[in-house]
């Protein structure tokens, strides 16, 4: 019997598939650890929470960082599209590249039906990329998972906070964010 293996793709090969039209916007996929994964459709609680977080952070961090919503970031073996990426301001407005790990200040995934992927798969990818501050907003439980201290084997510091908690992002220690502002009423 012959064993089969999945073919893993590099970021460069993934980009070539996009350039060649093999993959397009209608495909709704992202590259996770060399695997091309179909993204989940968004239900209203996910979409509404993502929009609310975007608006809040846009106001809070204006002229201090860029807020990217469901846009790609480029990591060594992945090109995910996190719900919210708070990134350094780029003079070229990221017109020549997607943000890389050194430009990412905070990643937020809004989890309505994707908690397992966000917590188990994406957290390991983000930790290996040395993303210092990763939050998962669990819409159903109204909790926020704060993942920090990344290592090759995952995040070493994981804290679960309720929606009435307040926290400062690592990149903006002087700013506090009440989680009640991020969840839908």
Protein backbone atom coordinates (compact mmCIF):
# COMPACT_ATOMS: atom_id res chain seq x y z
CA UNK A 1 0.00 0.00 0.00
CA UNK A 2 1.29 3.45 -0.91
CA UNK A 3 1.02 6.25 1.62
CA UNK A 4 -0.12 9.62 0.31
CA UNK A 5 0.92 13.00 1.57
CA UNK A 6 -0.57 16.42 1.20
CA UNK A 7 1.36 18.85 -0.99
CA UNK A 8 2.35 21.93 1.00
CA UNK A 9 2.66 25.25 -0.81
CA UNK A 10 5.13 28.06 -0.21
CA UNK A 11 4.02 31.67 0.06
CA UNK A 12 5.72 32.33 -3.29
CA UNK A 13 3.82 29.48 -4.98
CA UNK A 14 0.58 30.73 -3.43
CA UNK A 15 1.24 34.19 -4.90
CA UNK A 16 1.97 32.65 -8.31
CA UNK A 17 -1.40 30.82 -8.19
CA UNK A 18 -3.10 34.16 -7.48
CA UNK A 19 -1.14 35.92 -10.26
CA UNK A 20 -2.03 33.14 -12.73
CA UNK A 21 -5.74 33.37 -11.86
CA UNK A 22 -5.84 29.85 -10.40
CA UNK A 23 -7.00 31.42 -7.14
CA UNK A 24 -9.13 34.56 -7.06
CA UNK A 25 -11.23 36.60 -4.64
CA UNK A 26 -14.22 34.31 -5.18
CA UNK A 27 -12.25 31.38 -3.76
CA UNK A 28 -12.16 32.84 -0.20
CA UNK A 29 -9.05 30.94 0.85
CA UNK A 30 -5.98 31.58 2.96
CA UNK A 31 -2.61 29.86 3.25
CA UNK A 32 -2.05 28.26 6.67
CA UNK A 33 1.24 26.43 7.22
CA UNK A 34 1.51 25.57 3.54
CA UNK A 35 -2.11 24.41 3.23
CA UNK A 36 -4.70 26.29 1.19
CA UNK A 37 -7.75 26.44 3.46
CA UNK A 38 -11.29 27.53 2.60
CA UNK A 39 -12.39 30.40 4.87
CA UNK A 40 -15.67 30.08 6.74
CA UNK A 41 -18.63 32.20 5.66
CA UNK A 42 -19.42 35.01 8.07
CA UNK A 43 -22.59 35.04 10.11
CA UNK A 44 -23.98 38.39 11.32
CA UNK A 45 -22.51 38.20 14.88
CA UNK A 46 -19.03 37.68 13.43
CA UNK A 47 -19.36 40.43 10.82
CA UNK A 48 -20.94 42.90 13.27
CA UNK A 49 -18.30 42.29 15.94
CA UNK A 50 -15.48 42.67 13.41
CA UNK A 51 -16.94 45.97 12.24
CA UNK A 52 -17.37 47.20 15.82
CA UNK A 53 -13.75 46.33 16.72
CA UNK A 54 -12.51 48.05 13.57
CA UNK A 55 -14.40 51.27 14.31
CA UNK A 56 -13.28 51.33 17.94
CA UNK A 57 -9.61 50.74 17.12
CA UNK A 58 -9.66 53.21 14.21
CA UNK A 59 -10.75 55.94 16.62
CA UNK A 60 -8.42 54.84 19.42
CA UNK A 61 -5.26 54.40 17.35
CA UNK A 62 -5.68 57.07 14.69
CA UNK A 63 -2.26 58.27 13.45
CA UNK A 64 -0.51 55.68 15.67
CA UNK A 65 -1.14 52.47 13.70
CA UNK A 66 -3.04 51.15 10.72
CA UNK A 67 -6.03 48.87 11.25
CA UNK A 68 -6.43 46.24 8.54
CA UNK A 69 -9.65 44.24 8.37
CA UNK A 70 -9.63 40.74 6.88
CA UNK A 71 -6.60 41.51 4.73
CA UNK A 72 -3.55 39.27 4.25
CA UNK A 73 -0.42 39.28 6.34
CA UNK A 74 2.66 37.44 5.09
CA UNK A 75 4.46 35.01 7.39
CA UNK A 76 7.12 32.43 6.51
CA UNK A 77 4.75 29.55 5.63
CA UNK A 78 1.38 31.25 5.82
CA UNK A 79 -0.65 34.11 4.45
CA UNK A 80 -3.69 34.28 6.73
CA UNK A 81 -6.31 37.01 6.68
CA UNK A 82 -6.92 37.82 10.35
CA UNK A 83 -10.11 39.67 11.20
CA UNK A 84 -8.12 42.59 12.62
CA UNK A 85 -4.42 43.34 12.19
CA UNK A 86 -3.03 46.38 13.95
CA UNK A 87 0.16 47.18 12.07
CA UNK A 88 2.84 49.83 11.92
CA UNK A 89 2.13 52.77 9.66
CA UNK A 90 3.78 52.19 6.29
CA UNK A 91 4.66 55.24 4.14
CA UNK A 92 3.70 53.23 1.03
CA UNK A 93 0.39 52.15 2.63
CA UNK A 94 1.35 48.49 2.12
CA UNK A 95 1.03 48.95 -1.63
CA UNK A 96 4.15 46.86 -2.28
CA UNK A 97 3.79 44.10 0.33
CA UNK A 98 1.48 42.69 2.96
CA UNK A 99 2.49 43.36 6.58
CA UNK A 100 5.06 40.93 7.94
CA UNK A 101 5.59 39.78 11.51
CA UNK A 102 7.96 42.66 12.31
CA UNK A 103 5.22 45.15 11.36
CA UNK A 104 2.38 43.50 13.30
CA UNK A 105 1.54 45.10 16.64
CA UNK A 106 -1.62 43.12 17.50
CA UNK A 107 -3.72 40.44 15.82
CA UNK A 108 -7.36 39.84 16.68
CA UNK A 109 -9.51 36.97 15.46
CA UNK A 110 -13.26 37.24 16.00
CA UNK A 111 -14.43 33.73 16.76
CA UNK A 112 -18.05 32.80 16.22
CA UNK A 113 -17.77 29.38 14.59
CA UNK A 114 -13.99 29.11 14.18
CA UNK A 115 -12.67 28.93 17.75
CA UNK A 116 -10.84 25.61 17.25
CA UNK A 117 -8.96 26.94 14.21
CA UNK A 118 -8.27 30.33 15.83
CA UNK A 119 -7.05 28.82 19.11
CA UNK A 120 -5.31 25.63 18.00
CA UNK A 121 -4.08 26.26 14.45
CA UNK A 122 -3.68 29.99 14.01
CA UNK A 123 -2.22 30.54 17.46
CA UNK A 124 0.66 28.17 16.68
CA UNK A 125 1.26 29.87 13.31
CA UNK A 126 1.24 33.31 14.96
CA UNK A 127 3.48 32.17 17.83
CA UNK A 128 6.04 30.69 15.41
CA UNK A 129 6.01 34.02 13.55
CA UNK A 130 6.78 35.77 16.87
CA UNK A 131 3.55 37.79 16.97
CA UNK A 132 3.77 39.13 20.52
CA UNK A 133 0.10 39.98 21.10
CA UNK A 134 -2.75 37.80 19.78
CA UNK A 135 -6.35 38.10 20.97
CA UNK A 136 -9.32 35.84 20.23
CA UNK A 137 -12.75 37.36 20.84
CA UNK A 138 -15.07 34.46 21.61
CA UNK A 139 -18.39 35.95 20.51
CA UNK A 140 -20.55 33.13 21.90
CA UNK A 141 -18.99 33.02 25.40
CA UNK A 142 -18.25 36.78 25.40
CA UNK A 143 -14.70 36.15 26.54
CA UNK A 144 -11.33 37.29 25.24
CA UNK A 145 -8.33 34.99 25.06
CA UNK A 146 -5.09 36.94 25.38
CA UNK A 147 -2.10 35.02 24.02
CA UNK A 148 1.39 36.36 24.66
CA UNK A 149 5.01 35.23 25.00
CA UNK A 150 5.31 33.40 21.66
CA UNK A 151 7.69 30.45 21.20
CA UNK A 152 8.21 27.87 18.46
CA UNK A 153 5.85 25.54 20.34
CA UNK A 154 3.07 28.08 20.95
CA UNK A 155 2.16 30.88 23.31
CA UNK A 156 3.42 30.52 26.87
CA UNK A 157 1.03 33.04 28.44
CA UNK A 158 -2.69 32.49 27.81
CA UNK A 159 -5.27 34.37 29.85
CA UNK A 160 -9.04 34.28 29.44
CA UNK A 161 -10.87 37.47 30.43
CA UNK A 162 -14.54 38.34 30.61
CA UNK A 163 -16.17 41.11 28.62
CA UNK A 164 -16.06 43.46 31.63
CA UNK A 165 -12.24 43.32 31.76
CA UNK A 166 -9.87 46.03 30.56
CA UNK A 167 -6.40 45.48 29.11
CA UNK A 168 -3.58 47.40 27.44
CA UNK A 169 -2.16 46.09 24.16
CA UNK A 170 1.56 45.35 24.46
CA UNK A 171 2.43 47.88 21.75
CA UNK A 172 0.38 50.64 23.41
CA UNK A 173 0.88 50.22 27.15
CA UNK A 174 -0.55 53.66 27.89
CA UNK A 175 -3.91 52.79 26.32
CA UNK A 176 -6.50 50.56 27.93
CA UNK A 177 -9.23 48.81 26.01
CA UNK A 178 -12.46 47.82 27.75
CA UNK A 179 -13.63 44.60 26.10
CA UNK A 180 -17.22 45.74 26.49
CA UNK A 181 -16.45 48.20 23.66
CA UNK A 182 -15.50 45.33 21.33
CA UNK A 183 -18.51 43.05 21.76
CA UNK A 184 -21.93 43.75 20.31
CA UNK A 185 -24.48 45.09 22.82
